Amino acid sequence: MPTYQIYGLGAALVDTEIEVTDLDLKDLRIDKGVMTLVDEARQAQLIRTLSKHVAASKRASGGSAANSIIAASYFGAKTFYSCRVANDENGKFYLNDLAEAGVSYYEKNGEPSGTTGKCLVFITPDAERTMNTFLGISETLSVDDIDEQALAESEWAYIEGYLVTSATGRPAAIKLRELAEAKGVKTALSLSDPAIVNFFKDGLVEMIGDGVDMLFCNEAEALQYTGCDTVETAAEALKQCAKAFAITQGAKGALLFDGEQFITVAAHKVTPVDTNGAGDMFAGAFLYGLTNNMSFQQAGDLASKAASVVVSQFGPRLRPEQHKELLG
């Protein structure tokens, strides 16, 4: 029996969510609906400009893979996370938040001096999320941040696609996949964001290598990655790089491939408030399901339900008790 069901590798970012209008985004020259990397000075300028908005915001530990790992942990999975935070106030907050969620982490990940990464998440009235990210010390995430013993004792290794933007993070992601393959640990990867696929596709191809056991993406990312015009043709193309996959389609539900057949998952109708973290929640809930004897259909249904709840409230995470409610 593995010590951990899911080992995650990704950025460690302290999220601050801010409610804004489309006009605010336009005035601040922020591209809507995607993740944009910014430097610390730009982020500080945005916080100053939106100071009245920030007063009502909330701080939470984030990062795409972290959101997924924390979700899986709250559902009941045994999880481990490798990241890099600095020995600063945000770094201590981040690691404490992981521990409170029941996530084990590599002790060395919090030693370096520097600045812990931060992400401003702008939420517009249509519930769309737009991110401006200062990676801070997360940009230097490297192979040194992998705990090989914890990985060897895991059932799945989960990698976030955002690592492709980092000169050291991309080799770390590749190394983790190779180590996992050598140790018989299943591999999963998320494509993360349409803009990431658009600008860093070659790097993602390198991270995926000969193929992963499970790929997570949304419809836009699937089309972008495969160069196809329809979800159906994109799904056929994805078979070349993943044994199984999940394509989330928002209000249309999701399309799964379990290695043999396609499975459709219905969406749960809700009034969206904040789409931040929907894909992360889907992946975390889905991997929890797979590691707890659920079929693809059952795991997909749980993931779809969990994602619908997370978009109906602010923030990329559910409250601890909400996970238990979803499991019935």
C-alpha atoms as a PDB file:
ATOM      1  CA  MET A   1       0.000   0.000   0.000  1.00  0.00           C
ATOM      2  CA  PRO A   2       1.608   3.330  -1.041  1.00  0.00           C
ATOM      3  CA  THR A   3       2.269   5.912   1.694  1.00  0.00           C
ATOM      4  CA  TYR A   4       0.812   8.624  -0.549  1.00  0.00           C
ATOM      5  CA  GLN A   5      -1.896   8.429  -3.157  1.00  0.00           C
ATOM      6  CA  ILE A   6      -0.908  11.646  -4.958  1.00  0.00           C
ATOM      7  CA  TYR A   7       2.441  13.472  -5.128  1.00  0.00           C
ATOM      8  CA  GLY A   8       2.166  16.965  -6.617  1.00  0.00           C
ATOM      9  CA  LEU A   9       4.762  19.300  -8.099  1.00  0.00           C
ATOM     10  CA  GLY A  10       4.007  22.931  -8.839  1.00  0.00           C
ATOM     11  CA  ALA A  11       4.229  26.579  -7.946  1.00  0.00           C
ATOM     12  CA  ALA A  12       3.573  27.871  -4.446  1.00  0.00           C
ATOM     13  CA  LEU A  13       1.684  31.141  -4.666  1.00  0.00           C
ATOM     14  CA  VAL A  14      -0.181  33.134  -2.057  1.00  0.00           C
ATOM     15  CA  ASP A  15      -3.398  34.162  -3.806  1.00  0.00           C
ATOM     16  CA  THR A  16      -5.226  37.436  -3.308  1.00  0.00           C
ATOM     17  CA  GLU A  17      -8.639  37.592  -4.987  1.00  0.00           C
ATOM     18  CA  ILE A  18      -9.933  41.010  -6.064  1.00  0.00           C
ATOM     19  CA  GLU A  19     -13.339  41.850  -7.518  1.00  0.00           C
ATOM     20  CA  VAL A  20     -13.033  44.186 -10.513  1.00  0.00           C
ATOM     21  CA  THR A  21     -14.980  45.289 -13.580  1.00  0.00           C
ATOM     22  CA  ASP A  22     -14.109  44.758 -17.233  1.00  0.00           C
ATOM     23  CA  LEU A  23     -13.377  48.490 -17.371  1.00  0.00           C
ATOM     24  CA  ASP A  24     -10.860  48.130 -14.528  1.00  0.00           C
ATOM     25  CA  LEU A  25      -9.025  45.446 -16.514  1.00  0.00           C
ATOM     26  CA  LYS A  26      -9.069  47.600 -19.639  1.00  0.00           C
ATOM     27  CA  ASP A  27      -7.803  50.674 -17.799  1.00  0.00           C
ATOM     28  CA  LEU A  28      -5.006  48.653 -16.199  1.00  0.00           C
ATOM     29  CA  ARG A  29      -4.147  46.971 -19.535  1.00  0.00           C
ATOM     30  CA  ILE A  30      -4.673  43.490 -18.148  1.00  0.00           C
ATOM     31  CA  ASP A  31      -5.484  40.685 -20.603  1.00  0.00           C
ATOM     32  CA  LYS A  32      -8.732  39.102 -19.478  1.00  0.00           C
ATOM     33  CA  GLY A  33      -9.250  35.404 -18.787  1.00  0.00           C
ATOM     34  CA  VAL A  34      -5.624  34.261 -18.832  1.00  0.00           C
ATOM     35  CA  MET A  35      -2.595  34.055 -16.562  1.00  0.00           C
ATOM     36  CA  THR A  36       0.056  36.724 -17.183  1.00  0.00           C
ATOM     37  CA  LEU A  37       3.476  36.696 -15.526  1.00  0.00           C
ATOM     38  CA  VAL A  38       4.446  40.067 -14.036  1.00  0.00           C
ATOM     39  CA  ASP A  39       7.325  41.374 -11.933  1.00  0.00           C
ATOM     40  CA  GLU A  40       6.991  42.413  -8.310  1.00  0.00           C
ATOM     41  CA  ALA A  41       6.944  46.137  -9.151  1.00  0.00           C
ATOM     42  CA  ARG A  42       3.992  45.721 -11.531  1.00  0.00           C
ATOM     43  CA  GLN A  43       2.121  43.654  -8.964  1.00  0.00           C
ATOM     44  CA  ALA A  44       2.736  46.281  -6.277  1.00  0.00           C
ATOM     45  CA  GLN A  45       1.473  48.995  -8.632  1.00  0.00           C
ATOM     46  CA  LEU A  46      -1.732  47.028  -9.284  1.00  0.00           C
ATOM     47  CA  ILE A  47      -2.301  46.541  -5.553  1.00  0.00           C
ATOM     48  CA  ARG A  48      -1.857  50.286  -4.936  1.00  0.00           C
ATOM     49  CA  THR A  49      -4.238  51.185  -7.762  1.00  0.00           C
ATOM     50  CA  LEU A  50      -6.845  48.714  -6.549  1.00  0.00           C
ATOM     51  CA  SER A  51      -6.292  49.355  -2.836  1.00  0.00           C
ATOM     52  CA  LYS A  52     -10.005  49.828  -2.142  1.00  0.00           C
ATOM     53  CA  HIS A  53     -10.765  46.489  -3.796  1.00  0.00           C
ATOM     54  CA  VAL A  54      -7.916  44.681  -2.014  1.00  0.00           C
ATOM     55  CA  ALA A  55      -9.307  45.680   1.395  1.00  0.00           C
ATOM     56  CA  ALA A  56     -12.151  43.208   0.865  1.00  0.00           C
ATOM     57  CA  SER A  57      -9.976  40.430  -0.530  1.00  0.00           C
ATOM     58  CA  LYS A  58      -8.875  37.180   1.079  1.00  0.00           C
ATOM     59  CA  ARG A  59      -5.466  35.518   1.214  1.00  0.00           C
ATOM     60  CA  ALA A  60      -5.043  31.795   0.561  1.00  0.00           C
ATOM     61  CA  SER A  61      -2.315  29.386  -0.428  1.00  0.00           C
ATOM     62  CA  GLY A  62      -2.595  28.587  -4.102  1.00  0.00           C
ATOM     63  CA  GLY A  63      -0.890  27.518  -7.262  1.00  0.00           C
ATOM     64  CA  SER A  64      -2.679  25.212  -9.680  1.00  0.00           C
ATOM     65  CA  ALA A  65      -1.310  21.848  -8.534  1.00  0.00           C
ATOM     66  CA  ALA A  66      -1.506  22.943  -4.894  1.00  0.00           C
ATOM     67  CA  ASN A  67      -5.227  23.647  -5.267  1.00  0.00           C
ATOM     68  CA  SER A  68      -5.697  20.149  -6.699  1.00  0.00           C
ATOM     69  CA  ILE A  69      -3.592  18.451  -4.014  1.00  0.00           C
ATOM     70  CA  ILE A  70      -5.341  20.343  -1.200  1.00  0.00           C
ATOM     71  CA  ALA A  71      -8.747  19.381  -2.627  1.00  0.00           C
ATOM     72  CA  ALA A  72      -7.748  15.714  -2.877  1.00  0.00           C
ATOM     73  CA  SER A  73      -6.455  15.836   0.695  1.00  0.00           C
ATOM     74  CA  TYR A  74      -9.679  17.313   2.063  1.00  0.00           C
ATOM     75  CA  PHE A  75     -11.640  14.596   0.256  1.00  0.00           C
ATOM     76  CA  GLY A  76      -9.520  12.078   2.142  1.00  0.00           C
ATOM     77  CA  ALA A  77      -6.536  11.239  -0.084  1.00  0.00           C
ATOM     78  CA  LYS A  78      -3.032  10.934   1.360  1.00  0.00           C
ATOM     79  CA  THR A  79      -1.032  13.615  -0.421  1.00  0.00           C
ATOM     80  CA  PHE A  80       2.439  15.128  -0.716  1.00  0.00           C
ATOM     81  CA  TYR A  81       3.450  18.411  -2.346  1.00  0.00           C
ATOM     82  CA  SER A  82       6.793  19.690  -3.600  1.00  0.00           C
ATOM     83  CA  CYS A  83       7.126  23.407  -4.220  1.00  0.00           C
ATOM     84  CA  ARG A  84       9.410  26.281  -3.223  1.00  0.00           C
ATOM     85  CA  VAL A  85       8.600  29.076  -0.812  1.00  0.00           C
ATOM     86  CA  ALA A  86      10.927  31.566   0.845  1.00  0.00           C
ATOM     87  CA  ASN A  87      11.656  31.858   4.541  1.00  0.00           C
ATOM     88  CA  ASP A  88       9.353  34.894   4.797  1.00  0.00           C
ATOM     89  CA  GLU A  89       5.934  35.579   6.317  1.00  0.00           C
ATOM     90  CA  ASN A  90       4.045  34.422   3.196  1.00  0.00           C
ATOM     91  CA  GLY A  91       6.173  31.286   3.011  1.00  0.00           C
ATOM     92  CA  LYS A  92       5.396  30.346   6.612  1.00  0.00           C
ATOM     93  CA  PHE A  93       1.699  31.079   5.974  1.00  0.00           C
ATOM     94  CA  TYR A  94       1.795  28.849   2.886  1.00  0.00           C
ATOM     95  CA  LEU A  95       3.395  25.805   4.515  1.00  0.00           C
ATOM     96  CA  ASN A  96       1.126  26.134   7.548  1.00  0.00           C
ATOM     97  CA  ASP A  97      -1.885  26.207   5.211  1.00  0.00           C
ATOM     98  CA  LEU A  98      -0.684  22.992   3.510  1.00  0.00           C
ATOM     99  CA  ALA A  99      -0.234  21.287   6.880  1.00  0.00           C
ATOM    100  CA  GLU A 100      -3.702  22.362   8.040  1.00  0.00           C
ATOM    101  CA  ALA A 101      -5.126  20.748   4.890  1.00  0.00           C
ATOM    102  CA  GLY A 102      -3.364  17.498   5.759  1.00  0.00           C
ATOM    103  CA  VAL A 103      -0.789  17.776   2.947  1.00  0.00           C
ATOM    104  CA  SER A 104       2.740  16.549   3.657  1.00  0.00           C
ATOM    105  CA  TYR A 105       5.559  18.539   2.061  1.00  0.00           C
ATOM    106  CA  TYR A 106       9.308  18.391   1.505  1.00  0.00           C
ATOM    107  CA  GLU A 107      10.901  20.074   4.527  1.00  0.00           C
ATOM    108  CA  LYS A 108      13.622  21.707   2.388  1.00  0.00           C
ATOM    109  CA  ASN A 109      11.011  23.585   0.339  1.00  0.00           C
ATOM    110  CA  GLY A 110      10.807  26.418   2.903  1.00  0.00           C
ATOM    111  CA  GLU A 111      14.488  27.084   3.623  1.00  0.00           C
ATOM    112  CA  PRO A 112      15.644  29.646   1.006  1.00  0.00           C
ATOM    113  CA  SER A 113      15.779  33.398   1.515  1.00  0.00           C
ATOM    114  CA  GLY A 114      13.883  35.505  -1.030  1.00  0.00           C
ATOM    115  CA  THR A 115      10.253  36.318  -1.743  1.00  0.00           C
ATOM    116  CA  THR A 116       7.410  33.807  -1.815  1.00  0.00           C
ATOM    117  CA  GLY A 117       5.376  33.979  -5.024  1.00  0.00           C
ATOM    118  CA  LYS A 118       2.106  35.904  -5.135  1.00  0.00           C
ATOM    119  CA  CYS A 119      -0.849  35.817  -7.493  1.00  0.00           C
ATOM    120  CA  LEU A 120      -3.473  38.536  -7.955  1.00  0.00           C
ATOM    121  CA  VAL A 121      -6.713  36.920  -9.090  1.00  0.00           C
ATOM    122  CA  PHE A 122      -9.128  39.399 -10.651  1.00  0.00           C
ATOM    123  CA  ILE A 123     -12.778  38.323 -10.695  1.00  0.00           C
ATOM    124  CA  THR A 124     -15.132  40.141 -13.078  1.00  0.00           C
ATOM    125  CA  PRO A 125     -18.968  40.184 -12.784  1.00  0.00           C
ATOM    126  CA  ASP A 126     -19.236  37.390 -15.400  1.00  0.00           C
ATOM    127  CA  ALA A 127     -17.283  35.139 -12.937  1.00  0.00           C
ATOM    128  CA  GLU A 128     -14.254  34.968 -15.254  1.00  0.00           C
ATOM    129  CA  ARG A 129     -10.900  34.760 -13.525  1.00  0.00           C
ATOM    130  CA  THR A 130      -7.837  36.696 -14.699  1.00  0.00           C
ATOM    131  CA  MET A 131      -4.452  36.213 -13.054  1.00  0.00           C
ATOM    132  CA  ASN A 132      -1.345  38.356 -12.744  1.00  0.00           C
ATOM    133  CA  THR A 133       1.398  36.252 -11.171  1.00  0.00           C
ATOM    134  CA  PHE A 134       4.743  37.180  -9.636  1.00  0.00           C
ATOM    135  CA  LEU A 135       6.426  33.803  -9.257  1.00  0.00           C
ATOM    136  CA  GLY A 136       9.058  35.006  -6.808  1.00  0.00           C
ATOM    137  CA  ILE A 137      11.145  32.118  -5.538  1.00  0.00           C
ATOM    138  CA  SER A 138       8.760  29.655  -7.234  1.00  0.00           C
ATOM    139  CA  GLU A 139      10.463  30.562 -10.497  1.00  0.00           C
ATOM    140  CA  THR A 140      13.573  28.772  -9.218  1.00  0.00           C
ATOM    141  CA  LEU A 141      11.753  25.508  -8.408  1.00  0.00           C
ATOM    142  CA  SER A 142      14.177  22.803  -9.536  1.00  0.00           C
ATOM    143  CA  VAL A 143      15.037  19.115  -9.411  1.00  0.00           C
ATOM    144  CA  ASP A 144      16.438  19.780  -5.904  1.00  0.00           C
ATOM    145  CA  ASP A 145      12.862  20.264  -4.681  1.00  0.00           C
ATOM    146  CA  ILE A 146      11.828  16.692  -5.548  1.00  0.00           C
ATOM    147  CA  ASP A 147      11.608  14.261  -2.641  1.00  0.00           C
ATOM    148  CA  GLU A 148      12.474  11.001  -4.395  1.00  0.00           C
ATOM    149  CA  GLN A 149      11.586   8.822  -1.418  1.00  0.00           C
ATOM    150  CA  ALA A 150       8.098  10.342  -1.104  1.00  0.00           C
ATOM    151  CA  LEU A 151       7.635   9.972  -4.870  1.00  0.00           C
ATOM    152  CA  ALA A 152       8.636   6.295  -4.758  1.00  0.00           C
ATOM    153  CA  GLU A 153       5.998   5.787  -2.048  1.00  0.00           C
ATOM    154  CA  SER A 154       3.226   7.370  -4.147  1.00  0.00           C
ATOM    155  CA  GLU A 155       0.570   5.979  -6.462  1.00  0.00           C
ATOM    156  CA  TRP A 156       0.326   9.044  -8.744  1.00  0.00           C
ATOM    157  CA  ALA A 157       2.602  11.971  -9.642  1.00  0.00           C
ATOM    158  CA  TYR A 158       0.720  15.122 -10.652  1.00  0.00           C
ATOM    159  CA  ILE A 159       2.436  17.974 -12.526  1.00  0.00           C
ATOM    160  CA  GLU A 160       1.059  21.411 -13.345  1.00  0.00           C
ATOM    161  CA  GLY A 161       1.639  22.728 -16.862  1.00  0.00           C
ATOM    162  CA  TYR A 162       2.519  26.197 -15.561  1.00  0.00           C
ATOM    163  CA  LEU A 163       6.006  24.858 -14.726  1.00  0.00           C
ATOM    164  CA  VAL A 164       6.801  25.071 -18.427  1.00  0.00           C
ATOM    165  CA  THR A 165       7.448  28.836 -18.057  1.00  0.00           C
ATOM    166  CA  SER A 166      10.380  28.330 -15.667  1.00  0.00           C
ATOM    167  CA  ALA A 167      13.909  27.553 -16.888  1.00  0.00           C
ATOM    168  CA  THR A 168      14.401  25.290 -13.845  1.00  0.00           C
ATOM    169  CA  GLY A 169      10.775  24.248 -13.307  1.00  0.00           C
ATOM    170  CA  ARG A 170      10.437  22.608 -16.704  1.00  0.00           C
ATOM    171  CA  PRO A 171      13.461  20.289 -16.177  1.00  0.00           C
ATOM    172  CA  ALA A 172      12.084  19.510 -12.696  1.00  0.00           C
ATOM    173  CA  ALA A 173       8.747  18.487 -14.210  1.00  0.00           C
ATOM    174  CA  ILE A 174      10.505  16.307 -16.784  1.00  0.00           C
ATOM    175  CA  LYS A 175      12.703  14.744 -14.077  1.00  0.00           C
ATOM    176  CA  LEU A 176       9.662  14.003 -11.903  1.00  0.00           C
ATOM    177  CA  ARG A 177       7.894  12.282 -14.805  1.00  0.00           C
ATOM    178  CA  GLU A 178      10.995  10.224 -15.615  1.00  0.00           C
ATOM    179  CA  LEU A 179      11.513   9.234 -11.972  1.00  0.00           C
ATOM    180  CA  ALA A 180       7.839   8.319 -11.647  1.00  0.00           C
ATOM    181  CA  GLU A 181       7.992   6.168 -14.776  1.00  0.00           C
ATOM    182  CA  ALA A 182      11.121   4.405 -13.486  1.00  0.00           C
ATOM    183  CA  LYS A 183       9.495   3.734 -10.117  1.00  0.00           C
ATOM    184  CA  GLY A 184       6.173   2.513 -11.546  1.00  0.00           C
ATOM    185  CA  VAL A 185       4.289   5.600 -10.335  1.00  0.00           C
ATOM    186  CA  LYS A 186       1.454   6.752 -12.617  1.00  0.00           C
ATOM    187  CA  THR A 187       1.812  10.217 -14.158  1.00  0.00           C
ATOM    188  CA  ALA A 188      -0.741  12.994 -14.597  1.00  0.00           C
ATOM    189  CA  LEU A 189      -0.342  16.489 -16.023  1.00  0.00           C
ATOM    190  CA  SER A 190      -2.574  19.521 -16.538  1.00  0.00           C
ATOM    191  CA  LEU A 191      -2.236  21.888 -19.503  1.00  0.00           C
ATOM    192  CA  SER A 192      -3.113  24.712 -17.074  1.00  0.00           C
ATOM    193  CA  ASP A 193      -4.085  27.666 -19.285  1.00  0.00           C
ATOM    194  CA  PRO A 194      -4.798  28.426 -22.981  1.00  0.00           C
ATOM    195  CA  ALA A 195      -2.126  31.134 -23.024  1.00  0.00           C
ATOM    196  CA  ILE A 196       0.441  28.685 -21.632  1.00  0.00           C
ATOM    197  CA  VAL A 197      -0.387  26.204 -24.406  1.00  0.00           C
ATOM    198  CA  ASN A 198      -0.225  28.976 -26.997  1.00  0.00           C
ATOM    199  CA  PHE A 199       3.195  30.321 -26.009  1.00  0.00           C
ATOM    200  CA  PHE A 200       4.913  27.262 -24.530  1.00  0.00           C
ATOM    201  CA  LYS A 201       3.589  24.297 -26.518  1.00  0.00           C
ATOM    202  CA  ASP A 202       7.042  22.923 -27.386  1.00  0.00           C
ATOM    203  CA  GLY A 203       7.953  22.885 -23.698  1.00  0.00           C
ATOM    204  CA  LEU A 204       4.721  21.087 -22.811  1.00  0.00           C
ATOM    205  CA  VAL A 205       5.447  18.463 -25.478  1.00  0.00           C
ATOM    206  CA  GLU A 206       8.823  17.965 -23.814  1.00  0.00           C
ATOM    207  CA  MET A 207       7.229  17.683 -20.353  1.00  0.00           C
ATOM    208  CA  ILE A 208       4.726  15.082 -21.594  1.00  0.00           C
ATOM    209  CA  GLY A 209       7.480  13.078 -23.294  1.00  0.00           C
ATOM    210  CA  ASP A 210       6.294   9.749 -24.678  1.00  0.00           C
ATOM    211  CA  GLY A 211       2.982  10.243 -22.905  1.00  0.00           C
ATOM    212  CA  VAL A 212       1.383  10.513 -19.487  1.00  0.00           C
ATOM    213  CA  ASP A 213      -1.143   8.204 -17.860  1.00  0.00           C
ATOM    214  CA  MET A 214      -3.672  11.022 -17.357  1.00  0.00           C
ATOM    215  CA  LEU A 215      -4.000  14.472 -18.945  1.00  0.00           C
ATOM    216  CA  PHE A 216      -6.284  17.250 -17.711  1.00  0.00           C
ATOM    217  CA  CYS A 217      -7.275  20.178 -19.912  1.00  0.00           C
ATOM    218  CA  ASN A 218     -10.224  22.366 -20.810  1.00  0.00           C
ATOM    219  CA  GLU A 219     -11.742  22.624 -24.273  1.00  0.00           C
ATOM    220  CA  ALA A 220      -9.697  25.678 -25.317  1.00  0.00           C
ATOM    221  CA  GLU A 221      -6.449  24.055 -24.190  1.00  0.00           C
ATOM    222  CA  ALA A 222      -7.274  20.797 -25.991  1.00  0.00           C
ATOM    223  CA  LEU A 223      -7.932  22.620 -29.266  1.00  0.00           C
ATOM    224  CA  GLN A 224      -4.824  24.779 -28.846  1.00  0.00           C
ATOM    225  CA  TYR A 225      -2.555  21.841 -28.036  1.00  0.00           C
ATOM    226  CA  THR A 226      -3.759  19.571 -30.847  1.00  0.00           C
ATOM    227  CA  GLY A 227      -4.401  22.272 -33.468  1.00  0.00           C
ATOM    228  CA  CYS A 228      -7.844  20.741 -34.071  1.00  0.00           C
ATOM    229  CA  ASP A 229     -11.120  22.541 -34.769  1.00  0.00           C
ATOM    230  CA  THR A 230     -13.505  20.362 -32.762  1.00  0.00           C
ATOM    231  CA  VAL A 231     -13.433  18.652 -29.380  1.00  0.00           C
ATOM    232  CA  GLU A 232     -14.063  15.292 -31.062  1.00  0.00           C
ATOM    233  CA  THR A 233     -10.988  15.524 -33.303  1.00  0.00           C
ATOM    234  CA  ALA A 234      -8.908  16.968 -30.442  1.00  0.00           C
ATOM    235  CA  ALA A 235      -9.901  14.012 -28.268  1.00  0.00           C
ATOM    236  CA  GLU A 236      -8.704  11.574 -30.921  1.00  0.00           C
ATOM    237  CA  ALA A 237      -5.411  13.470 -31.196  1.00  0.00           C
ATOM    238  CA  LEU A 238      -4.855  13.475 -27.425  1.00  0.00           C
ATOM    239  CA  LYS A 239      -4.741   9.667 -27.482  1.00  0.00           C
ATOM    240  CA  GLN A 240      -1.235  10.056 -28.920  1.00  0.00           C
ATOM    241  CA  CYS A 241       0.116  11.723 -25.758  1.00  0.00           C
ATOM    242  CA  ALA A 242      -2.030  10.360 -22.930  1.00  0.00           C
ATOM    243  CA  LYS A 243      -3.376   6.919 -22.024  1.00  0.00           C
ATOM    244  CA  ALA A 244      -6.417   8.632 -20.497  1.00  0.00           C
ATOM    245  CA  PHE A 245      -7.658  12.208 -20.264  1.00  0.00           C
ATOM    246  CA  ALA A 246     -10.358  14.591 -19.151  1.00  0.00           C
ATOM    247  CA  ILE A 247     -11.479  17.584 -21.236  1.00  0.00           C
ATOM    248  CA  THR A 248     -13.590  19.943 -19.144  1.00  0.00           C
ATOM    249  CA  GLN A 249     -16.192  21.958 -21.056  1.00  0.00           C
ATOM    250  CA  GLY A 250     -17.678  24.333 -18.489  1.00  0.00           C
ATOM    251  CA  ALA A 251     -21.464  24.382 -18.632  1.00  0.00           C
ATOM    252  CA  LYS A 252     -21.350  21.459 -21.099  1.00  0.00           C
ATOM    253  CA  GLY A 253     -19.764  19.097 -18.581  1.00  0.00           C
ATOM    254  CA  ALA A 254     -16.706  17.049 -19.495  1.00  0.00           C
ATOM    255  CA  LEU A 255     -15.479  14.439 -21.951  1.00  0.00           C
ATOM    256  CA  LEU A 256     -13.391  11.601 -20.508  1.00  0.00           C
ATOM    257  CA  PHE A 257     -11.331   8.872 -22.138  1.00  0.00           C
ATOM    258  CA  ASP A 258     -10.480   5.939 -19.864  1.00  0.00           C
ATOM    259  CA  GLY A 259      -8.053   4.251 -22.249  1.00  0.00           C
ATOM    260  CA  GLU A 260     -10.755   2.257 -24.013  1.00  0.00           C
ATOM    261  CA  GLN A 261     -13.891   4.337 -24.369  1.00  0.00           C
ATOM    262  CA  PHE A 262     -15.208   7.891 -24.232  1.00  0.00           C
ATOM    263  CA  ILE A 263     -17.414   8.866 -21.313  1.00  0.00           C
ATOM    264  CA  THR A 264     -19.508  12.005 -21.053  1.00  0.00           C
ATOM    265  CA  VAL A 265     -19.984  13.740 -17.717  1.00  0.00           C
ATOM    266  CA  ALA A 266     -22.939  16.029 -17.167  1.00  0.00           C
ATOM    267  CA  ALA A 267     -22.502  19.543 -15.819  1.00  0.00           C
ATOM    268  CA  HIS A 268     -24.275  20.650 -12.652  1.00  0.00           C
ATOM    269  CA  LYS A 269     -26.231  23.819 -13.259  1.00  0.00           C
ATOM    270  CA  VAL A 270     -25.194  26.647 -10.967  1.00  0.00           C
ATOM    271  CA  THR A 271     -24.918  30.421 -11.158  1.00  0.00           C
ATOM    272  CA  PRO A 272     -21.171  31.011 -11.562  1.00  0.00           C
ATOM    273  CA  VAL A 273     -19.607  33.610  -9.284  1.00  0.00           C
ATOM    274  CA  ASP A 274     -15.880  32.873  -9.642  1.00  0.00           C
ATOM    275  CA  THR A 275     -14.330  30.365 -12.073  1.00  0.00           C
ATOM    276  CA  ASN A 276     -10.915  30.526 -10.378  1.00  0.00           C
ATOM    277  CA  GLY A 277      -9.824  27.010  -9.437  1.00  0.00           C
ATOM    278  CA  ALA A 278     -12.561  25.118 -11.306  1.00  0.00           C
ATOM    279  CA  GLY A 279     -10.095  23.052 -13.342  1.00  0.00           C
ATOM    280  CA  ASP A 280      -7.850  22.518 -10.310  1.00  0.00           C
ATOM    281  CA  MET A 281     -10.813  21.268  -8.287  1.00  0.00           C
ATOM    282  CA  PHE A 282     -11.867  18.935 -11.104  1.00  0.00           C
ATOM    283  CA  ALA A 283      -8.384  17.385 -11.259  1.00  0.00           C
ATOM    284  CA  GLY A 284      -8.071  17.042  -7.481  1.00  0.00           C
ATOM    285  CA  ALA A 285     -11.498  15.465  -7.054  1.00  0.00           C
ATOM    286  CA  PHE A 286     -10.947  13.193 -10.058  1.00  0.00           C
ATOM    287  CA  LEU A 287      -7.584  11.905  -8.803  1.00  0.00           C
ATOM    288  CA  TYR A 288      -9.115  11.363  -5.368  1.00  0.00           C
ATOM    289  CA  GLY A 289     -11.798   9.264  -7.065  1.00  0.00           C
ATOM    290  CA  LEU A 290      -9.337   7.175  -9.072  1.00  0.00           C
ATOM    291  CA  THR A 291      -7.213   6.482  -5.991  1.00  0.00           C
ATOM    292  CA  ASN A 292     -10.282   5.475  -3.982  1.00  0.00           C
ATOM    293  CA  ASN A 293     -11.675   2.732  -6.214  1.00  0.00           C
ATOM    294  CA  MET A 294     -14.085   4.898  -8.224  1.00  0.00           C
ATOM    295  CA  SER A 295     -14.691   4.226 -11.917  1.00  0.00           C
ATOM    296  CA  PHE A 296     -13.919   6.968 -14.445  1.00  0.00           C
ATOM    297  CA  GLN A 297     -17.620   7.769 -14.584  1.00  0.00           C
ATOM    298  CA  GLN A 298     -17.909   8.038 -10.795  1.00  0.00           C
ATOM    299  CA  ALA A 299     -14.705  10.085 -10.496  1.00  0.00           C
ATOM    300  CA  GLY A 300     -15.894  12.368 -13.299  1.00  0.00           C
ATOM    301  CA  ASP A 301     -19.281  12.870 -11.682  1.00  0.00           C
ATOM    302  CA  LEU A 302     -17.661  13.789  -8.353  1.00  0.00           C
ATOM    303  CA  ALA A 303     -15.191  16.132 -10.088  1.00  0.00           C
ATOM    304  CA  SER A 304     -17.947  17.851 -12.064  1.00  0.00           C
ATOM    305  CA  LYS A 305     -20.054  18.295  -8.950  1.00  0.00           C
ATOM    306  CA  ALA A 306     -17.116  19.651  -6.927  1.00  0.00           C
ATOM    307  CA  ALA A 307     -16.135  22.088  -9.702  1.00  0.00           C
ATOM    308  CA  SER A 308     -19.714  23.369  -9.917  1.00  0.00           C
ATOM    309  CA  VAL A 309     -19.724  24.107  -6.189  1.00  0.00           C
ATOM    310  CA  VAL A 310     -16.367  25.904  -6.312  1.00  0.00           C
ATOM    311  CA  VAL A 311     -17.485  28.225  -9.157  1.00  0.00           C
ATOM    312  CA  SER A 312     -20.655  29.126  -7.258  1.00  0.00           C
ATOM    313  CA  GLN A 313     -18.640  30.823  -4.495  1.00  0.00           C
ATOM    314  CA  PHE A 314     -15.534  32.992  -4.229  1.00  0.00           C
ATOM    315  CA  GLY A 315     -12.114  31.393  -3.999  1.00  0.00           C
ATOM    316  CA  PRO A 316     -10.421  28.385  -5.638  1.00  0.00           C
ATOM    317  CA  ARG A 317     -11.076  26.068  -2.710  1.00  0.00           C
ATOM    318  CA  LEU A 318     -14.030  24.598  -0.849  1.00  0.00           C
ATOM    319  CA  ARG A 319     -14.413  24.728   2.901  1.00  0.00           C
ATOM    320  CA  PRO A 320     -13.277  21.467   4.550  1.00  0.00           C
ATOM    321  CA  GLU A 321     -16.820  20.357   5.400  1.00  0.00           C
ATOM    322  CA  GLN A 322     -17.988  20.874   1.797  1.00  0.00           C
ATOM    323  CA  HIS A 323     -15.778  18.005   0.630  1.00  0.00           C
ATOM    324  CA  LYS A 324     -17.467  15.615   3.050  1.00  0.00           C
ATOM    325  CA  GLU A 325     -20.908  16.832   1.907  1.00  0.00           C
ATOM    326  CA  LEU A 326     -19.999  16.102  -1.733  1.00  0.00           C
ATOM    327  CA  LEU A 327     -19.009  12.552  -0.811  1.00  0.00           C
ATOM    328  CA  GLY A 328     -22.416  12.115   0.821  1.00  0.00           C
END
